[in-house]
mmCIF file of all heavy atoms, coordinates in Angstrom:
data_MODEL
# 
_entry.id   MODEL 
# 
loop_
_atom_site.group_PDB 
_atom_site.id 
_atom_site.type_symbol 
_atom_site.label_atom_id 
_atom_site.label_alt_id 
_atom_site.label_comp_id 
_atom_site.label_asym_id 
_atom_site.label_entity_id 
_atom_site.label_seq_id 
_atom_site.pdbx_PDB_ins_code 
_atom_site.Cartn_x 
_atom_site.Cartn_y 
_atom_site.Cartn_z 
_atom_site.occupancy 
_atom_site.B_iso_or_equiv 
_atom_site.pdbx_formal_charge 
_atom_site.auth_seq_id 
_atom_site.auth_comp_id 
_atom_site.auth_asym_id 
_atom_site.auth_atom_id 
_atom_site.pdbx_PDB_model_num 
ATOM 1   N N   . ASP A 1 1  ? 44.273 -14.124 71.502 1.00 0.00 ? 1  ASP A N   1 
ATOM 2   C CA  . ASP A 1 1  ? 43.730 -15.287 70.710 1.00 0.00 ? 1  ASP A CA  1 
ATOM 3   C C   . ASP A 1 1  ? 43.349 -16.440 71.635 1.00 0.00 ? 1  ASP A C   1 
ATOM 4   O O   . ASP A 1 1  ? 42.253 -17.021 71.498 1.00 0.00 ? 1  ASP A O   1 
ATOM 5   C CB  . ASP A 1 1  ? 44.808 -15.676 69.699 1.00 0.00 ? 1  ASP A CB  1 
ATOM 6   C CG  . ASP A 1 1  ? 44.297 -16.739 68.750 1.00 0.00 ? 1  ASP A CG  1 
ATOM 7   O OD1 . ASP A 1 1  ? 43.109 -16.834 68.533 1.00 0.00 ? 1  ASP A OD1 1 
ATOM 8   O OD2 . ASP A 1 1  ? 45.198 -17.489 68.151 1.00 0.00 ? 1  ASP A OD2 1 
ATOM 9   N N   . LEU A 1 2  ? 44.182 -16.762 72.575 1.00 0.00 ? 2  LEU A N   1 
ATOM 10  C CA  . LEU A 1 2  ? 43.951 -17.924 73.460 1.00 0.00 ? 2  LEU A CA  1 
ATOM 11  C C   . LEU A 1 2  ? 42.667 -17.754 74.246 1.00 0.00 ? 2  LEU A C   1 
ATOM 12  O O   . LEU A 1 2  ? 41.951 -18.747 74.466 1.00 0.00 ? 2  LEU A O   1 
ATOM 13  C CB  . LEU A 1 2  ? 45.211 -18.061 74.438 1.00 0.00 ? 2  LEU A CB  1 
ATOM 14  C CG  . LEU A 1 2  ? 45.155 -19.216 75.410 1.00 0.00 ? 2  LEU A CG  1 
ATOM 15  C CD1 . LEU A 1 2  ? 45.196 -20.525 74.681 1.00 0.00 ? 2  LEU A CD1 1 
ATOM 16  C CD2 . LEU A 1 2  ? 46.394 -19.120 76.354 1.00 0.00 ? 2  LEU A CD2 1 
ATOM 17  N N   . PHE A 1 3  ? 42.374 -16.531 74.672 1.00 0.00 ? 3  PHE A N   1 
ATOM 18  C CA  . PHE A 1 3  ? 41.210 -16.312 75.527 1.00 0.00 ? 3  PHE A CA  1 
ATOM 19  C C   . PHE A 1 3  ? 40.018 -15.763 74.770 1.00 0.00 ? 3  PHE A C   1 
ATOM 20  O O   . PHE A 1 3  ? 39.090 -15.199 75.338 1.00 0.00 ? 3  PHE A O   1 
ATOM 21  C CB  . PHE A 1 3  ? 41.596 -15.420 76.714 1.00 0.00 ? 3  PHE A CB  1 
ATOM 22  C CG  . PHE A 1 3  ? 42.650 -16.093 77.572 1.00 0.00 ? 3  PHE A CG  1 
ATOM 23  C CD1 . PHE A 1 3  ? 43.879 -15.493 77.719 1.00 0.00 ? 3  PHE A CD1 1 
ATOM 24  C CD2 . PHE A 1 3  ? 42.446 -17.311 78.207 1.00 0.00 ? 3  PHE A CD2 1 
ATOM 25  C CE1 . PHE A 1 3  ? 44.900 -16.070 78.481 1.00 0.00 ? 3  PHE A CE1 1 
ATOM 26  C CE2 . PHE A 1 3  ? 43.437 -17.917 78.952 1.00 0.00 ? 3  PHE A CE2 1 
ATOM 27  C CZ  . PHE A 1 3  ? 44.670 -17.307 79.085 1.00 0.00 ? 3  PHE A CZ  1 
ATOM 28  N N   . GLY A 1 4  ? 40.039 -15.889 73.413 1.00 0.00 ? 4  GLY A N   1 
ATOM 29  C CA  . GLY A 1 4  ? 38.858 -15.674 72.588 1.00 0.00 ? 4  GLY A CA  1 
ATOM 30  C C   . GLY A 1 4  ? 38.410 -14.247 72.386 1.00 0.00 ? 4  GLY A C   1 
ATOM 31  O O   . GLY A 1 4  ? 37.254 -14.019 72.117 1.00 0.00 ? 4  GLY A O   1 
ATOM 32  N N   . VAL A 1 5  ? 39.321 -13.287 72.518 1.00 0.00 ? 5  VAL A N   1 
ATOM 33  C CA  . VAL A 1 5  ? 38.903 -11.877 72.325 1.00 0.00 ? 5  VAL A CA  1 
ATOM 34  C C   . VAL A 1 5  ? 39.665 -11.207 71.195 1.00 0.00 ? 5  VAL A C   1 
ATOM 35  O O   . VAL A 1 5  ? 39.540 -9.999  70.977 1.00 0.00 ? 5  VAL A O   1 
ATOM 36  C CB  . VAL A 1 5  ? 39.081 -11.091 73.624 1.00 0.00 ? 5  VAL A CB  1 
ATOM 37  C CG1 . VAL A 1 5  ? 38.194 -11.664 74.690 1.00 0.00 ? 5  VAL A CG1 1 
ATOM 38  C CG2 . VAL A 1 5  ? 40.538 -11.048 74.087 1.00 0.00 ? 5  VAL A CG2 1 
ATOM 39  N N   . LYS A 1 6  ? 40.432 -11.990 70.453 1.00 0.00 ? 6  LYS A N   1 
ATOM 40  C CA  . LYS A 1 6  ? 41.305 -11.441 69.402 1.00 0.00 ? 6  LYS A CA  1 
ATOM 41  C C   . LYS A 1 6  ? 40.524 -10.549 68.432 1.00 0.00 ? 6  LYS A C   1 
ATOM 42  O O   . LYS A 1 6  ? 40.994 -9.473  68.051 1.00 0.00 ? 6  LYS A O   1 
ATOM 43  C CB  . LYS A 1 6  ? 41.974 -12.570 68.667 1.00 0.00 ? 6  LYS A CB  1 
ATOM 44  C CG  . LYS A 1 6  ? 42.814 -12.146 67.453 1.00 0.00 ? 6  LYS A CG  1 
ATOM 45  C CD  . LYS A 1 6  ? 43.412 -13.372 66.748 1.00 0.00 ? 6  LYS A CD  1 
ATOM 46  C CE  . LYS A 1 6  ? 44.086 -12.992 65.486 1.00 0.00 ? 6  LYS A CE  1 
ATOM 47  N NZ  . LYS A 1 6  ? 44.630 -14.150 64.729 1.00 0.00 ? 6  LYS A NZ  1 
ATOM 48  N N   . ASP A 1 7  ? 39.389 -11.092 67.955 1.00 0.00 ? 7  ASP A N   1 
ATOM 49  C CA  . ASP A 1 7  ? 38.592 -10.355 66.951 1.00 0.00 ? 7  ASP A CA  1 
ATOM 50  C C   . ASP A 1 7  ? 37.763 -9.204  67.498 1.00 0.00 ? 7  ASP A C   1 
ATOM 51  O O   . ASP A 1 7  ? 37.083 -8.450  66.746 1.00 0.00 ? 7  ASP A O   1 
ATOM 52  C CB  . ASP A 1 7  ? 37.685 -11.311 66.193 1.00 0.00 ? 7  ASP A CB  1 
ATOM 53  C CG  . ASP A 1 7  ? 38.508 -12.388 65.420 1.00 0.00 ? 7  ASP A CG  1 
ATOM 54  O OD1 . ASP A 1 7  ? 39.626 -12.051 65.024 1.00 0.00 ? 7  ASP A OD1 1 
ATOM 55  O OD2 . ASP A 1 7  ? 37.961 -13.504 65.278 1.00 0.00 ? 7  ASP A OD2 1 
ATOM 56  N N   . ASP A 1 8  ? 37.732 -9.069  68.846 1.00 0.00 ? 8  ASP A N   1 
ATOM 57  C CA  . ASP A 1 8  ? 36.901 -8.065  69.474 1.00 0.00 ? 8  ASP A CA  1 
ATOM 58  C C   . ASP A 1 8  ? 37.690 -6.915  70.066 1.00 0.00 ? 8  ASP A C   1 
ATOM 59  O O   . ASP A 1 8  ? 37.108 -6.015  70.678 1.00 0.00 ? 8  ASP A O   1 
ATOM 60  C CB  . ASP A 1 8  ? 36.023 -8.682  70.554 1.00 0.00 ? 8  ASP A CB  1 
ATOM 61  C CG  . ASP A 1 8  ? 35.144 -9.799  69.984 1.00 0.00 ? 8  ASP A CG  1 
ATOM 62  O OD1 . ASP A 1 8  ? 34.321 -9.473  69.109 1.00 0.00 ? 8  ASP A OD1 1 
ATOM 63  O OD2 . ASP A 1 8  ? 35.247 -10.932 70.443 1.00 0.00 ? 8  ASP A OD2 1 
ATOM 64  N N   . VAL A 1 9  ? 39.005 -7.000  69.889 1.00 0.00 ? 9  VAL A N   1 
ATOM 65  C CA  . VAL A 1 9  ? 39.906 -5.945  70.461 1.00 0.00 ? 9  VAL A CA  1 
ATOM 66  C C   . VAL A 1 9  ? 40.508 -5.160  69.279 1.00 0.00 ? 9  VAL A C   1 
ATOM 67  O O   . VAL A 1 9  ? 40.968 -5.754  68.333 1.00 0.00 ? 9  VAL A O   1 
ATOM 68  C CB  . VAL A 1 9  ? 41.031 -6.554  71.307 1.00 0.00 ? 9  VAL A CB  1 
ATOM 69  C CG1 . VAL A 1 9  ? 42.019 -5.504  71.668 1.00 0.00 ? 9  VAL A CG1 1 
ATOM 70  C CG2 . VAL A 1 9  ? 40.451 -7.225  72.541 1.00 0.00 ? 9  VAL A CG2 1 
ATOM 71  N N   . GLU A 1 10 ? 40.468 -3.835  69.394 1.00 0.00 ? 10 GLU A N   1 
ATOM 72  C CA  . GLU A 1 10 ? 41.112 -3.027  68.393 1.00 0.00 ? 10 GLU A CA  1 
ATOM 73  C C   . GLU A 1 10 ? 42.538 -2.742  68.835 1.00 0.00 ? 10 GLU A C   1 
ATOM 74  O O   . GLU A 1 10 ? 42.818 -2.237  69.877 1.00 0.00 ? 10 GLU A O   1 
ATOM 75  C CB  . GLU A 1 10 ? 40.393 -1.633  68.295 1.00 0.00 ? 10 GLU A CB  1 
ATOM 76  C CG  . GLU A 1 10 ? 40.998 -0.765  67.214 1.00 0.00 ? 10 GLU A CG  1 
ATOM 77  C CD  . GLU A 1 10 ? 40.308 0.630   67.144 1.00 0.00 ? 10 GLU A CD  1 
ATOM 78  O OE1 . GLU A 1 10 ? 39.334 0.862   67.915 1.00 0.00 ? 10 GLU A OE1 1 
ATOM 79  O OE2 . GLU A 1 10 ? 40.825 1.515   66.353 1.00 0.00 ? 10 GLU A OE2 1 
ATOM 80  N N   . LEU A 1 11 ? 43.481 -3.152  67.917 1.00 0.00 ? 11 LEU A N   1 
ATOM 81  C CA  . LEU A 1 11 ? 44.908 -2.954  68.247 1.00 0.00 ? 11 LEU A CA  1 
ATOM 82  C C   . LEU A 1 11 ? 45.360 -1.633  67.745 1.00 0.00 ? 11 LEU A C   1 
ATOM 83  O O   . LEU A 1 11 ? 45.184 -1.283  66.555 1.00 0.00 ? 11 LEU A O   1 
ATOM 84  C CB  . LEU A 1 11 ? 45.736 -4.115  67.546 1.00 0.00 ? 11 LEU A CB  1 
ATOM 85  C CG  . LEU A 1 11 ? 45.444 -5.525  68.058 1.00 0.00 ? 11 LEU A CG  1 
ATOM 86  C CD1 . LEU A 1 11 ? 46.393 -6.518  67.331 1.00 0.00 ? 11 LEU A CD1 1 
ATOM 87  C CD2 . LEU A 1 11 ? 45.644 -5.649  69.569 1.00 0.00 ? 11 LEU A CD2 1 
ATOM 88  N N   . ALA A 1 12 ? 45.947 -0.889  68.624 1.00 0.00 ? 12 ALA A N   1 
ATOM 89  C CA  . ALA A 1 12 ? 46.376 0.486   68.320 1.00 0.00 ? 12 ALA A CA  1 
ATOM 90  C C   . ALA A 1 12 ? 47.662 0.452   67.496 1.00 0.00 ? 12 ALA A C   1 
ATOM 91  O O   . ALA A 1 12 ? 48.582 -0.309  67.816 1.00 0.00 ? 12 ALA A O   1 
ATOM 92  C CB  . ALA A 1 12 ? 46.573 1.269   69.573 1.00 0.00 ? 12 ALA A CB  1 
ATOM 93  N N   . ASN A 1 13 ? 47.745 1.227   66.465 1.00 0.00 ? 13 ASN A N   1 
ATOM 94  C CA  . ASN A 1 13 ? 48.913 1.324   65.651 1.00 0.00 ? 13 ASN A CA  1 
ATOM 95  C C   . ASN A 1 13 ? 49.823 2.482   66.164 1.00 0.00 ? 13 ASN A C   1 
ATOM 96  O O   . ASN A 1 13 ? 50.032 3.451   65.520 1.00 0.00 ? 13 ASN A O   1 
ATOM 97  C CB  . ASN A 1 13 ? 48.526 1.587   64.166 1.00 0.00 ? 13 ASN A CB  1 
ATOM 98  C CG  . ASN A 1 13 ? 49.715 1.495   63.254 1.00 0.00 ? 13 ASN A CG  1 
ATOM 99  O OD1 . ASN A 1 13 ? 50.710 0.825   63.567 1.00 0.00 ? 13 ASN A OD1 1 
ATOM 100 N ND2 . ASN A 1 13 ? 49.640 2.155   62.124 1.00 0.00 ? 13 ASN A ND2 1 
ATOM 101 N N   . VAL A 1 14 ? 50.332 2.200   67.382 1.00 0.00 ? 14 VAL A N   1 
ATOM 102 C CA  . VAL A 1 14 ? 51.212 3.159   68.017 1.00 0.00 ? 14 VAL A CA  1 
ATOM 103 C C   . VAL A 1 14 ? 52.414 2.416   68.614 1.00 0.00 ? 14 VAL A C   1 
ATOM 104 O O   . VAL A 1 14 ? 52.314 1.247   68.995 1.00 0.00 ? 14 VAL A O   1 
ATOM 105 C CB  . VAL A 1 14 ? 50.454 3.845   69.211 1.00 0.00 ? 14 VAL A CB  1 
ATOM 106 C CG1 . VAL A 1 14 ? 51.329 4.887   69.908 1.00 0.00 ? 14 VAL A CG1 1 
ATOM 107 C CG2 . VAL A 1 14 ? 49.168 4.480   68.741 1.00 0.00 ? 14 VAL A CG2 1 
ATOM 108 N N   . GLU A 1 15 ? 53.588 3.044   68.567 1.00 0.00 ? 15 GLU A N   1 
ATOM 109 C CA  . GLU A 1 15 ? 54.782 2.437   69.118 1.00 0.00 ? 15 GLU A CA  1 
ATOM 110 C C   . GLU A 1 15 ? 54.616 2.325   70.632 1.00 0.00 ? 15 GLU A C   1 
ATOM 111 O O   . GLU A 1 15 ? 53.996 3.177   71.328 1.00 0.00 ? 15 GLU A O   1 
ATOM 112 C CB  . GLU A 1 15 ? 56.013 3.271   68.848 1.00 0.00 ? 15 GLU A CB  1 
ATOM 113 C CG  . GLU A 1 15 ? 56.402 3.313   67.362 1.00 0.00 ? 15 GLU A CG  1 
ATOM 114 C CD  . GLU A 1 15 ? 56.823 1.975   66.835 1.00 0.00 ? 15 GLU A CD  1 
ATOM 115 O OE1 . GLU A 1 15 ? 57.406 1.197   67.624 1.00 0.00 ? 15 GLU A OE1 1 
ATOM 116 O OE2 . GLU A 1 15 ? 56.625 1.663   65.686 1.00 0.00 ? 15 GLU A OE2 1 
ATOM 117 N N   . LEU A 1 16 ? 55.140 1.219   71.237 1.00 0.00 ? 16 LEU A N   1 
ATOM 118 C CA  . LEU A 1 16 ? 55.011 1.009   72.604 1.00 0.00 ? 16 LEU A CA  1 
ATOM 119 C C   . LEU A 1 16 ? 55.675 2.077   73.431 1.00 0.00 ? 16 LEU A C   1 
ATOM 120 O O   . LEU A 1 16 ? 55.258 2.365   74.585 1.00 0.00 ? 16 LEU A O   1 
ATOM 121 C CB  . LEU A 1 16 ? 55.650 -0.415  72.967 1.00 0.00 ? 16 LEU A CB  1 
ATOM 122 C CG  . LEU A 1 16 ? 55.424 -0.893  74.442 1.00 0.00 ? 16 LEU A CG  1 
ATOM 123 C CD1 . LEU A 1 16 ? 53.967 -0.995  74.769 1.00 0.00 ? 16 LEU A CD1 1 
ATOM 124 C CD2 . LEU A 1 16 ? 56.127 -2.203  74.682 1.00 0.00 ? 16 LEU A CD2 1 
ATOM 125 N N   . SER A 1 17 ? 56.679 2.721   72.829 1.00 0.00 ? 17 SER A N   1 
ATOM 126 C CA  . SER A 1 17 ? 57.374 3.776   73.574 1.00 0.00 ? 17 SER A CA  1 
ATOM 127 C C   . SER A 1 17 ? 56.418 5.004   73.796 1.00 0.00 ? 17 SER A C   1 
ATOM 128 O O   . SER A 1 17 ? 56.680 5.825   74.657 1.00 0.00 ? 17 SER A O   1 
ATOM 129 C CB  . SER A 1 17 ? 58.590 4.291   72.753 1.00 0.00 ? 17 SER A CB  1 
ATOM 130 O OG  . SER A 1 17 ? 58.218 4.673   71.457 1.00 0.00 ? 17 SER A OG  1 
ATOM 131 N N   . ASN A 1 18 ? 55.299 5.062   73.055 1.00 0.00 ? 18 ASN A N   1 
ATOM 132 C CA  . ASN A 1 18 ? 54.345 6.115   73.212 1.00 0.00 ? 18 ASN A CA  1 
ATOM 133 C C   . ASN A 1 18 ? 53.118 5.710   73.986 1.00 0.00 ? 18 ASN A C   1 
ATOM 134 O O   . ASN A 1 18 ? 52.090 6.435   74.081 1.00 0.00 ? 18 ASN A O   1 
ATOM 135 C CB  . ASN A 1 18 ? 53.873 6.640   71.844 1.00 0.00 ? 18 ASN A CB  1 
ATOM 136 C CG  . ASN A 1 18 ? 54.986 7.238   71.018 1.00 0.00 ? 18 ASN A CG  1 
ATOM 137 O OD1 . ASN A 1 18 ? 55.858 7.905   71.606 1.00 0.00 ? 18 ASN A OD1 1 
ATOM 138 N ND2 . ASN A 1 18 ? 54.997 6.999   69.747 1.00 0.00 ? 18 ASN A ND2 1 
ATOM 139 N N   . ALA A 1 19 ? 53.195 4.531   74.681 1.00 0.00 ? 19 ALA A N   1 
ATOM 140 C CA  . ALA A 1 19 ? 52.062 3.963   75.365 1.00 0.00 ? 19 ALA A CA  1 
ATOM 141 C C   . ALA A 1 19 ? 51.553 4.894   76.481 1.00 0.00 ? 19 ALA A C   1 
ATOM 142 O O   . ALA A 1 19 ? 50.327 5.070   76.587 1.00 0.00 ? 19 ALA A O   1 
ATOM 143 C CB  . ALA A 1 19 ? 52.415 2.590   75.929 1.00 0.00 ? 19 ALA A CB  1 
ATOM 144 N N   . VAL A 1 20 ? 52.424 5.436   77.291 1.00 0.00 ? 20 VAL A N   1 
ATOM 145 C CA  . VAL A 1 20 ? 51.969 6.232   78.441 1.00 0.00 ? 20 VAL A CA  1 
ATOM 146 C C   . VAL A 1 20 ? 51.245 7.495   77.982 1.00 0.00 ? 20 VAL A C   1 
ATOM 147 O O   . VAL A 1 20 ? 50.146 7.815   78.461 1.00 0.00 ? 20 VAL A O   1 
ATOM 148 C CB  . VAL A 1 20 ? 53.164 6.585   79.299 1.00 0.00 ? 20 VAL A CB  1 
ATOM 149 C CG1 . VAL A 1 20 ? 52.726 7.520   80.444 1.00 0.00 ? 20 VAL A CG1 1 
ATOM 150 C CG2 . VAL A 1 20 ? 53.817 5.308   79.926 1.00 0.00 ? 20 VAL A CG2 1 
ATOM 151 N N   . SER A 1 21 ? 51.794 8.201   76.994 1.00 0.00 ? 21 SER A N   1 
ATOM 152 C CA  . SER A 1 21 ? 51.183 9.422   76.499 1.00 0.00 ? 21 SER A CA  1 
ATOM 153 C C   . SER A 1 21 ? 49.855 9.103   75.850 1.00 0.00 ? 21 SER A C   1 
ATOM 154 O O   . SER A 1 21 ? 48.881 9.842   75.992 1.00 0.00 ? 21 SER A O   1 
ATOM 155 C CB  . SER A 1 21 ? 52.057 10.208  75.528 1.00 0.00 ? 21 SER A CB  1 
ATOM 156 O OG  . SER A 1 21 ? 52.421 9.363   74.415 1.00 0.00 ? 21 SER A OG  1 
ATOM 157 N N   . ALA A 1 22 ? 49.786 7.976   75.092 1.00 0.00 ? 22 ALA A N   1 
ATOM 158 C CA  . ALA A 1 22 ? 48.533 7.590   74.444 1.00 0.00 ? 22 ALA A CA  1 
ATOM 159 C C   . ALA A 1 22 ? 47.502 7.231   75.470 1.00 0.00 ? 22 ALA A C   1 
ATOM 160 O O   . ALA A 1 22 ? 46.261 7.504   75.279 1.00 0.00 ? 22 ALA A O   1 
ATOM 161 C CB  . ALA A 1 22 ? 48.767 6.396   73.503 1.00 0.00 ? 22 ALA A CB  1 
ATOM 162 N N   . LEU A 1 23 ? 47.882 6.618   76.585 1.00 0.00 ? 23 LEU A N   1 
ATOM 163 C CA  . LEU A 1 23 ? 46.943 6.231   77.620 1.00 0.00 ? 23 LEU A CA  1 
ATOM 164 C C   . LEU A 1 23 ? 46.437 7.508   78.343 1.00 0.00 ? 23 LEU A C   1 
ATOM 165 O O   . LEU A 1 23 ? 45.211 7.629   78.589 1.00 0.00 ? 23 LEU A O   1 
ATOM 166 C CB  . LEU A 1 23 ? 47.663 5.337   78.681 1.00 0.00 ? 23 LEU A CB  1 
ATOM 167 C CG  . LEU A 1 23 ? 46.745 4.623   79.647 1.00 0.00 ? 23 LEU A CG  1 
ATOM 168 C CD1 . LEU A 1 23 ? 45.993 3.505   79.013 1.00 0.00 ? 23 LEU A CD1 1 
ATOM 169 C CD2 . LEU A 1 23 ? 47.637 4.052   80.825 1.00 0.00 ? 23 LEU A CD2 1 
ATOM 170 N N   . LYS A 1 24 ? 47.288 8.438   78.621 1.00 0.00 ? 24 LYS A N   1 
ATOM 171 C CA  . LYS A 1 24 ? 46.932 9.694   79.276 1.00 0.00 ? 24 LYS A CA  1 
ATOM 172 C C   . LYS A 1 24 ? 45.982 10.544  78.423 1.00 0.00 ? 24 LYS A C   1 
ATOM 173 O O   . LYS A 1 24 ? 45.039 11.116  78.886 1.00 0.00 ? 24 LYS A O   1 
ATOM 174 C CB  . LYS A 1 24 ? 48.166 10.548  79.549 1.00 0.00 ? 24 LYS A CB  1 
ATOM 175 C CG  . LYS A 1 24 ? 49.045 10.009  80.704 1.00 0.00 ? 24 LYS A CG  1 
ATOM 176 C CD  . LYS A 1 24 ? 50.388 10.733  80.793 1.00 0.00 ? 24 LYS A CD  1 
ATOM 177 C CE  . LYS A 1 24 ? 50.213 12.210  81.025 1.00 0.00 ? 24 LYS A CE  1 
ATOM 178 N NZ  . LYS A 1 24 ? 51.535 12.890  81.099 1.00 0.00 ? 24 LYS A NZ  1 
ATOM 179 N N   . ASN A 1 25 ? 46.216 10.480  77.095 1.00 0.00 ? 25 ASN A N   1 
ATOM 180 C CA  . ASN A 1 25 ? 45.432 11.315  76.119 1.00 0.00 ? 25 ASN A CA  1 
ATOM 181 C C   . ASN A 1 25 ? 44.070 10.622  75.774 1.00 0.00 ? 25 ASN A C   1 
ATOM 182 O O   . ASN A 1 25 ? 43.349 11.194  75.000 1.00 0.00 ? 25 ASN A O   1 
ATOM 183 C CB  . ASN A 1 25 ? 46.211 11.626  74.904 1.00 0.00 ? 25 ASN A CB  1 
ATOM 184 C CG  . ASN A 1 25 ? 47.421 12.475  75.208 1.00 0.00 ? 25 ASN A CG  1 
ATOM 185 O OD1 . ASN A 1 25 ? 47.461 13.217  76.191 1.00 0.00 ? 25 ASN A OD1 1 
ATOM 186 N ND2 . ASN A 1 25 ? 48.481 12.370  74.350 1.00 0.00 ? 25 ASN A ND2 1 
# 
């Protein structure tokens, strides 16, 4: 929000614990 990209970024509905596998895939 502070750096003006809030509305242009898609937030993933994934638990942070799954971040690495989601990044790899």
